[in-house]
Amino acid sequence: MKINTILIKIDSTPEYRLREIMKPYIDTPGNYKNERRDYHGVQDYMESNMGKEDFNRLLMWIKKNPKQVKLLFKRKSYTK
């Protein structure tokens, strides 16, 4: 799976869902869809809004946690 696809999915996932999946949680900006014209792709957007160090932590989390990354692409079933 391409990194840009994963970053876009992370960006569009609600924070509460990211907190369930991402341990430890890394705060991400979450507005790429509306601001993409101002950047040279999702990686530029994320790095610009997170800072280089946090962006690199996010990339490392993605590489080290392929099972959790796959959870981002699965629909969660809600039961009450």
PDB file of N, CA and C in Angstrom:
ATOM      1  N   MET A   1       0.846  -1.178   0.000  1.00  0.00           N
ATOM      2  CA  MET A   1       0.000   0.000   0.000  1.00  0.00           C
ATOM      3  C   MET A   1       0.890   1.239   0.000  1.00  0.00           C
ATOM      4  N   LYS A   2       0.514   2.207  -0.785  1.00  0.00           N
ATOM      5  CA  LYS A   2       1.323   3.424  -0.902  1.00  0.00           C
ATOM      6  C   LYS A   2       1.176   4.312   0.329  1.00  0.00           C
ATOM      7  N   ILE A   3       2.282   4.958   0.682  1.00  0.00           N
ATOM      8  CA  ILE A   3       2.289   5.825   1.865  1.00  0.00           C
ATOM      9  C   ILE A   3       1.282   6.964   1.741  1.00  0.00           C
ATOM     10  N   ASN A   4       1.140   7.531   0.544  1.00  0.00           N
ATOM     11  CA  ASN A   4       0.176   8.625   0.371  1.00  0.00           C
ATOM     12  C   ASN A   4      -1.240   8.162   0.651  1.00  0.00           C
ATOM     13  N   THR A   5      -1.584   6.952   0.249  1.00  0.00           N
ATOM     14  CA  THR A   5      -2.912   6.393   0.513  1.00  0.00           C
ATOM     15  C   THR A   5      -3.135   6.250   2.010  1.00  0.00           C
ATOM     16  N   ILE A   6      -2.132   5.778   2.716  1.00  0.00           N
ATOM     17  CA  ILE A   6      -2.229   5.607   4.168  1.00  0.00           C
ATOM     18  C   ILE A   6      -2.357   6.964   4.854  1.00  0.00           C
ATOM     19  N   LEU A   7      -1.559   7.940   4.434  1.00  0.00           N
ATOM     20  CA  LEU A   7      -1.615   9.273   5.050  1.00  0.00           C
ATOM     21  C   LEU A   7      -2.973   9.932   4.822  1.00  0.00           C
ATOM     22  N   ILE A   8      -3.525   9.784   3.640  1.00  0.00           N
ATOM     23  CA  ILE A   8      -4.851  10.352   3.368  1.00  0.00           C
ATOM     24  C   ILE A   8      -5.898   9.679   4.243  1.00  0.00           C
ATOM     25  N   LYS A   9      -5.789   8.367   4.421  1.00  0.00           N
ATOM     26  CA  LYS A   9      -6.733   7.651   5.288  1.00  0.00           C
ATOM     27  C   LYS A   9      -6.588   8.100   6.734  1.00  0.00           C
ATOM     28  N   ILE A  10      -5.366   8.249   7.209  1.00  0.00           N
ATOM     29  CA  ILE A  10      -5.144   8.744   8.572  1.00  0.00           C
ATOM     30  C   ILE A  10      -5.747  10.134   8.720  1.00  0.00           C
ATOM     31  N   ASP A  11      -5.525  10.987   7.727  1.00  0.00           N
ATOM     32  CA  ASP A  11      -6.027  12.354   7.771  1.00  0.00           C
ATOM     33  C   ASP A  11      -7.556  12.395   7.817  1.00  0.00           C
ATOM     34  N   SER A  12      -8.215  11.454   7.165  1.00  0.00           N
ATOM     35  CA  SER A  12      -9.680  11.485   7.094  1.00  0.00           C
ATOM     36  C   SER A  12     -10.355  10.654   8.183  1.00  0.00           C
ATOM     37  N   THR A  13      -9.577   9.969   9.012  1.00  0.00           N
ATOM     38  CA  THR A  13     -10.134   9.161  10.089  1.00  0.00           C
ATOM     39  C   THR A  13     -10.377  10.031  11.316  1.00  0.00           C
ATOM     40  N   PRO A  14     -11.552   9.905  11.940  1.00  0.00           N
ATOM     41  CA  PRO A  14     -11.831  10.705  13.152  1.00  0.00           C
ATOM     42  C   PRO A  14     -10.808  10.420  14.258  1.00  0.00           C
ATOM     43  N   GLU A  15     -10.536  11.434  15.052  1.00  0.00           N
ATOM     44  CA  GLU A  15      -9.520  11.322  16.098  1.00  0.00           C
ATOM     45  C   GLU A  15      -9.809  10.185  17.075  1.00  0.00           C
ATOM     46  N   TYR A  16     -11.067  10.021  17.474  1.00  0.00           N
ATOM     47  CA  TYR A  16     -11.379   8.963  18.436  1.00  0.00           C
ATOM     48  C   TYR A  16     -11.015   7.582  17.872  1.00  0.00           C
ATOM     49  N   ARG A  17     -11.196   7.404  16.567  1.00  0.00           N
ATOM     50  CA  ARG A  17     -10.869   6.123  15.920  1.00  0.00           C
ATOM     51  C   ARG A  17      -9.347   5.936  15.853  1.00  0.00           C
ATOM     52  N   LEU A  18      -8.624   7.018  15.540  1.00  0.00           N
ATOM     53  CA  LEU A  18      -7.157   6.939  15.532  1.00  0.00           C
ATOM     54  C   LEU A  18      -6.625   6.579  16.911  1.00  0.00           C
ATOM     55  N   ARG A  19      -7.241   7.145  17.947  1.00  0.00           N
ATOM     56  CA  ARG A  19      -6.793   6.858  19.316  1.00  0.00           C
ATOM     57  C   ARG A  19      -7.004   5.391  19.675  1.00  0.00           C
ATOM     58  N   GLU A  20      -8.045   4.757  19.126  1.00  0.00           N
ATOM     59  CA  GLU A  20      -8.287   3.335  19.360  1.00  0.00           C
ATOM     60  C   GLU A  20      -7.228   2.470  18.685  1.00  0.00           C
ATOM     61  N   ILE A  21      -6.762   2.898  17.526  1.00  0.00           N
ATOM     62  CA  ILE A  21      -5.849   2.104  16.706  1.00  0.00           C
ATOM     63  C   ILE A  21      -4.392   2.434  16.970  1.00  0.00           C
ATOM     64  N   MET A  22      -4.069   3.702  17.100  1.00  0.00           N
ATOM     65  CA  MET A  22      -2.686   4.169  17.165  1.00  0.00           C
ATOM     66  C   MET A  22      -2.226   4.293  18.614  1.00  0.00           C
ATOM     67  N   LYS A  23      -1.327   3.379  18.991  1.00  0.00           N
ATOM     68  CA  LYS A  23      -0.752   3.402  20.335  1.00  0.00           C
ATOM     69  C   LYS A  23       0.756   3.485  20.200  1.00  0.00           C
ATOM     70  N   PRO A  24       1.428   4.479  20.701  1.00  0.00           N
ATOM     71  CA  PRO A  24       0.875   5.701  21.271  1.00  0.00           C
ATOM     72  C   PRO A  24       0.298   6.601  20.178  1.00  0.00           C
ATOM     73  N   TYR A  25      -0.682   7.380  20.567  1.00  0.00           N
ATOM     74  CA  TYR A  25      -1.362   8.270  19.622  1.00  0.00           C
ATOM     75  C   TYR A  25      -0.427   9.390  19.174  1.00  0.00           C
ATOM     76  N   ILE A  26      -0.441   9.655  17.871  1.00  0.00           N
ATOM     77  CA  ILE A  26       0.331  10.762  17.292  1.00  0.00           C
ATOM     78  C   ILE A  26      -0.678  11.732  16.684  1.00  0.00           C
ATOM     79  N   ASP A  27      -0.703  12.952  17.161  1.00  0.00           N
ATOM     80  CA  ASP A  27      -1.658  13.948  16.686  1.00  0.00           C
ATOM     81  C   ASP A  27      -1.365  14.307  15.229  1.00  0.00           C
ATOM     82  N   THR A  28      -2.402  14.263  14.402  1.00  0.00           N
ATOM     83  CA  THR A  28      -2.282  14.589  12.981  1.00  0.00           C
ATOM     84  C   THR A  28      -3.233  15.732  12.650  1.00  0.00           C
ATOM     85  N   PRO A  29      -2.970  16.509  11.589  1.00  0.00           N
ATOM     86  CA  PRO A  29      -3.754  17.712  11.309  1.00  0.00           C
ATOM     87  C   PRO A  29      -5.216  17.466  10.944  1.00  0.00           C
ATOM     88  N   GLY A  30      -5.509  16.614   9.969  1.00  0.00           N
ATOM     89  CA  GLY A  30      -6.889  16.251   9.664  1.00  0.00           C
ATOM     90  C   GLY A  30      -7.713  17.190   8.813  1.00  0.00           C
ATOM     91  N   ASN A  31      -7.143  17.906   7.881  1.00  0.00           N
ATOM     92  CA  ASN A  31      -7.938  18.786   7.021  1.00  0.00           C
ATOM     93  C   ASN A  31      -7.372  18.855   5.600  1.00  0.00           C
ATOM     94  N   TYR A  32      -6.671  17.823   5.182  1.00  0.00           N
ATOM     95  CA  TYR A  32      -6.006  17.827   3.881  1.00  0.00           C
ATOM     96  C   TYR A  32      -6.979  18.049   2.723  1.00  0.00           C
ATOM     97  N   LYS A  33      -8.134  17.424   2.792  1.00  0.00           N
ATOM     98  CA  LYS A  33      -9.115  17.528   1.704  1.00  0.00           C
ATOM     99  C   LYS A  33      -9.438  18.987   1.376  1.00  0.00           C
ATOM    100  N   ASN A  34      -9.565  19.811   2.392  1.00  0.00           N
ATOM    101  CA  ASN A  34      -9.917  21.221   2.194  1.00  0.00           C
ATOM    102  C   ASN A  34      -8.726  22.115   1.884  1.00  0.00           C
ATOM    103  N   GLU A  35      -7.531  21.692   2.253  1.00  0.00           N
ATOM    104  CA  GLU A  35      -6.351  22.550   2.104  1.00  0.00           C
ATOM    105  C   GLU A  35      -5.344  22.049   1.066  1.00  0.00           C
ATOM    106  N   ARG A  36      -5.672  20.978   0.358  1.00  0.00           N
ATOM    107  CA  ARG A  36      -4.688  20.335  -0.531  1.00  0.00           C
ATOM    108  C   ARG A  36      -4.153  21.232  -1.628  1.00  0.00           C
ATOM    109  N   ARG A  37      -4.893  22.253  -2.037  1.00  0.00           N
ATOM    110  CA  ARG A  37      -4.408  23.157  -3.088  1.00  0.00           C
ATOM    111  C   ARG A  37      -3.205  23.978  -2.644  1.00  0.00           C
ATOM    112  N   ASP A  38      -3.027  24.101  -1.347  1.00  0.00           N
ATOM    113  CA  ASP A  38      -1.932  24.912  -0.807  1.00  0.00           C
ATOM    114  C   ASP A  38      -0.635  24.121  -0.602  1.00  0.00           C
ATOM    115  N   TYR A  39      -0.644  22.827  -0.908  1.00  0.00           N
ATOM    116  CA  TYR A  39       0.509  21.966  -0.617  1.00  0.00           C
ATOM    117  C   TYR A  39       0.884  21.134  -1.841  1.00  0.00           C
ATOM    118  N   HIS A  40       2.073  20.557  -1.783  1.00  0.00           N
ATOM    119  CA  HIS A  40       2.578  19.689  -2.853  1.00  0.00           C
ATOM    120  C   HIS A  40       2.352  18.229  -2.473  1.00  0.00           C
ATOM    121  N   GLY A  41       1.120  17.878  -2.176  1.00  0.00           N
ATOM    122  CA  GLY A  41       0.770  16.504  -1.813  1.00  0.00           C
ATOM    123  C   GLY A  41       0.554  16.339  -0.320  1.00  0.00           C
ATOM    124  N   VAL A  42       0.045  15.157   0.034  1.00  0.00           N
ATOM    125  CA  VAL A  42      -0.311  14.881   1.423  1.00  0.00           C
ATOM    126  C   VAL A  42       0.915  14.817   2.331  1.00  0.00           C
ATOM    127  N   GLN A  43       2.045  14.345   1.824  1.00  0.00           N
ATOM    128  CA  GLN A  43       3.246  14.309   2.665  1.00  0.00           C
ATOM    129  C   GLN A  43       3.702  15.716   3.031  1.00  0.00           C
ATOM    130  N   ASP A  44       3.679  16.624   2.077  1.00  0.00           N
ATOM    131  CA  ASP A  44       4.033  18.024   2.338  1.00  0.00           C
ATOM    132  C   ASP A  44       3.064  18.635   3.352  1.00  0.00           C
ATOM    133  N   TYR A  45       1.787  18.358   3.185  1.00  0.00           N
ATOM    134  CA  TYR A  45       0.771  18.874   4.109  1.00  0.00           C
ATOM    135  C   TYR A  45       1.015  18.372   5.532  1.00  0.00           C
ATOM    136  N   MET A  46       1.201  17.057   5.660  1.00  0.00           N
ATOM    137  CA  MET A  46       1.391  16.475   6.994  1.00  0.00           C
ATOM    138  C   MET A  46       2.657  17.013   7.653  1.00  0.00           C
ATOM    139  N   GLU A  47       3.759  17.009   6.916  1.00  0.00           N
ATOM    140  CA  GLU A  47       5.022  17.477   7.489  1.00  0.00           C
ATOM    141  C   GLU A  47       4.947  18.950   7.857  1.00  0.00           C
ATOM    142  N   SER A  48       4.321  19.764   7.025  1.00  0.00           N
ATOM    143  CA  SER A  48       4.202  21.200   7.294  1.00  0.00           C
ATOM    144  C   SER A  48       3.375  21.473   8.547  1.00  0.00           C
ATOM    145  N   ASN A  49       2.339  20.672   8.769  1.00  0.00           N
ATOM    146  CA  ASN A  49       1.445  20.910   9.900  1.00  0.00           C
ATOM    147  C   ASN A  49       1.832  20.160  11.175  1.00  0.00           C
ATOM    148  N   MET A  50       2.616  19.109  11.030  1.00  0.00           N
ATOM    149  CA  MET A  50       3.026  18.332  12.196  1.00  0.00           C
ATOM    150  C   MET A  50       4.432  18.678  12.659  1.00  0.00           C
ATOM    151  N   GLY A  51       5.254  19.129  11.764  1.00  0.00           N
ATOM    152  CA  GLY A  51       6.668  19.301  12.059  1.00  0.00           C
ATOM    153  C   GLY A  51       7.408  18.037  11.641  1.00  0.00           C
ATOM    154  N   LYS A  52       8.653  18.182  11.309  1.00  0.00           N
ATOM    155  CA  LYS A  52       9.450  17.075  10.771  1.00  0.00           C
ATOM    156  C   LYS A  52       9.566  15.918  11.760  1.00  0.00           C
ATOM    157  N   GLU A  53       9.818  16.213  13.022  1.00  0.00           N
ATOM    158  CA  GLU A  53      10.009  15.159  14.019  1.00  0.00           C
ATOM    159  C   GLU A  53       8.747  14.318  14.208  1.00  0.00           C
ATOM    160  N   ASP A  54       7.599  14.958  14.382  1.00  0.00           N
ATOM    161  CA  ASP A  54       6.350  14.215  14.556  1.00  0.00           C
ATOM    162  C   ASP A  54       5.953  13.476  13.278  1.00  0.00           C
ATOM    163  N   PHE A  55       6.204  14.080  12.132  1.00  0.00           N
ATOM    164  CA  PHE A  55       5.905  13.410  10.870  1.00  0.00           C
ATOM    165  C   PHE A  55       6.748  12.146  10.728  1.00  0.00           C
ATOM    166  N   ASN A  56       8.026  12.231  11.087  1.00  0.00           N
ATOM    167  CA  ASN A  56       8.892  11.054  11.035  1.00  0.00           C
ATOM    168  C   ASN A  56       8.443   9.978  12.024  1.00  0.00           C
ATOM    169  N   ARG A  57       7.951  10.388  13.201  1.00  0.00           N
ATOM    170  CA  ARG A  57       7.394   9.420  14.162  1.00  0.00           C
ATOM    171  C   ARG A  57       6.188   8.715  13.558  1.00  0.00           C
ATOM    172  N   LEU A  58       5.338   9.460  12.842  1.00  0.00           N
ATOM    173  CA  LEU A  58       4.173   8.877  12.180  1.00  0.00           C
ATOM    174  C   LEU A  58       4.604   7.872  11.117  1.00  0.00           C
ATOM    175  N   LEU A  59       5.595   8.216  10.319  1.00  0.00           N
ATOM    176  CA  LEU A  59       6.089   7.289   9.294  1.00  0.00           C
ATOM    177  C   LEU A  59       6.651   6.015   9.927  1.00  0.00           C
ATOM    178  N   MET A  60       7.358   6.157  11.029  1.00  0.00           N
ATOM    179  CA  MET A  60       7.899   4.989  11.726  1.00  0.00           C
ATOM    180  C   MET A  60       6.770   4.127  12.293  1.00  0.00           C
ATOM    181  N   TRP A  61       5.736   4.773  12.836  1.00  0.00           N
ATOM    182  CA  TRP A  61       4.590   4.019  13.347  1.00  0.00           C
ATOM    183  C   TRP A  61       3.949   3.221  12.221  1.00  0.00           C
ATOM    184  N   ILE A  62       3.782   3.832  11.059  1.00  0.00           N
ATOM    185  CA  ILE A  62       3.183   3.154   9.901  1.00  0.00           C
ATOM    186  C   ILE A  62       4.020   1.930   9.522  1.00  0.00           C
ATOM    187  N   LYS A  63       5.330   2.077   9.480  1.00  0.00           N
ATOM    188  CA  LYS A  63       6.213   0.971   9.087  1.00  0.00           C
ATOM    189  C   LYS A  63       6.229  -0.161  10.117  1.00  0.00           C
ATOM    190  N   LYS A  64       6.140   0.192  11.398  1.00  0.00           N
ATOM    191  CA  LYS A  64       6.235  -0.808  12.460  1.00  0.00           C
ATOM    192  C   LYS A  64       4.901  -1.467  12.804  1.00  0.00           C
ATOM    193  N   ASN A  65       3.785  -0.926  12.315  1.00  0.00           N
ATOM    194  CA  ASN A  65       2.468  -1.408  12.721  1.00  0.00           C
ATOM    195  C   ASN A  65       1.548  -1.704  11.538  1.00  0.00           C
ATOM    196  N   PRO A  66       1.938  -2.632  10.667  1.00  0.00           N
ATOM    197  CA  PRO A  66       1.110  -2.905   9.481  1.00  0.00           C
ATOM    198  C   PRO A  66      -0.291  -3.420   9.821  1.00  0.00           C
ATOM    199  N   LYS A  67      -0.436  -4.176  10.917  1.00  0.00           N
ATOM    200  CA  LYS A  67      -1.768  -4.676  11.293  1.00  0.00           C
ATOM    201  C   LYS A  67      -2.686  -3.533  11.702  1.00  0.00           C
ATOM    202  N   GLN A  68      -2.163  -2.574  12.450  1.00  0.00           N
ATOM    203  CA  GLN A  68      -2.970  -1.435  12.857  1.00  0.00           C
ATOM    204  C   GLN A  68      -3.317  -0.560  11.654  1.00  0.00           C
ATOM    205  N   VAL A  69      -2.405  -0.421  10.716  1.00  0.00           N
ATOM    206  CA  VAL A  69      -2.660   0.361   9.506  1.00  0.00           C
ATOM    207  C   VAL A  69      -3.830  -0.261   8.744  1.00  0.00           C
ATOM    208  N   LYS A  70      -3.848  -1.589   8.657  1.00  0.00           N
ATOM    209  CA  LYS A  70      -4.954  -2.263   7.970  1.00  0.00           C
ATOM    210  C   LYS A  70      -6.288  -1.998   8.653  1.00  0.00           C
ATOM    211  N   LEU A  71      -6.276  -1.838   9.975  1.00  0.00           N
ATOM    212  CA  LEU A  71      -7.517  -1.539  10.701  1.00  0.00           C
ATOM    213  C   LEU A  71      -8.120  -0.209  10.270  1.00  0.00           C
ATOM    214  N   LEU A  72      -7.275   0.723   9.838  1.00  0.00           N
ATOM    215  CA  LEU A  72      -7.780   2.017   9.379  1.00  0.00           C
ATOM    216  C   LEU A  72      -8.708   1.861   8.183  1.00  0.00           C
ATOM    217  N   PHE A  73      -8.482   0.827   7.394  1.00  0.00           N
ATOM    218  CA  PHE A  73      -9.236   0.635   6.157  1.00  0.00           C
ATOM    219  C   PHE A  73     -10.434  -0.297   6.341  1.00  0.00           C
ATOM    220  N   LYS A  74     -10.610  -0.812   7.552  1.00  0.00           N
ATOM    221  CA  LYS A  74     -11.776  -1.666   7.825  1.00  0.00           C
ATOM    222  C   LYS A  74     -12.844  -0.835   8.500  1.00  0.00           C
ATOM    223  N   ARG A  75     -14.067  -1.124   8.121  1.00  0.00           N
ATOM    224  CA  ARG A  75     -15.192  -0.461   8.774  1.00  0.00           C
ATOM    225  C   ARG A  75     -15.378  -1.048  10.155  1.00  0.00           C
ATOM    226  N   LYS A  76     -15.594  -0.189  11.127  1.00  0.00           N
ATOM    227  CA  LYS A  76     -15.824  -0.655  12.487  1.00  0.00           C
ATOM    228  C   LYS A  76     -17.312  -0.860  12.664  1.00  0.00           C
ATOM    229  N   SER A  77     -17.695  -1.983  13.231  1.00  0.00           N
ATOM    230  CA  SER A  77     -19.120  -2.207  13.490  1.00  0.00           C
ATOM    231  C   SER A  77     -19.430  -1.713  14.903  1.00  0.00           C
ATOM    232  N   TYR A  78     -20.503  -0.990  15.020  1.00  0.00           N
ATOM    233  CA  TYR A  78     -20.898  -0.414  16.292  1.00  0.00           C
ATOM    234  C   TYR A  78     -22.077  -1.209  16.862  1.00  0.00           C
ATOM    235  N   THR A  79     -21.971  -1.586  18.112  1.00  0.00           N
ATOM    236  CA  THR A  79     -23.075  -2.264  18.776  1.00  0.00           C
ATOM    237  C   THR A  79     -23.370  -1.535  20.064  1.00  0.00           C
ATOM    238  N   LYS A  80     -24.635  -1.447  20.364  1.00  0.00           N
ATOM    239  CA  LYS A  80     -25.030  -0.784  21.617  1.00  0.00           C
ATOM    240  C   LYS A  80     -25.755  -1.754  22.513  1.00  0.00           C
TER     241      LYS A  80
END
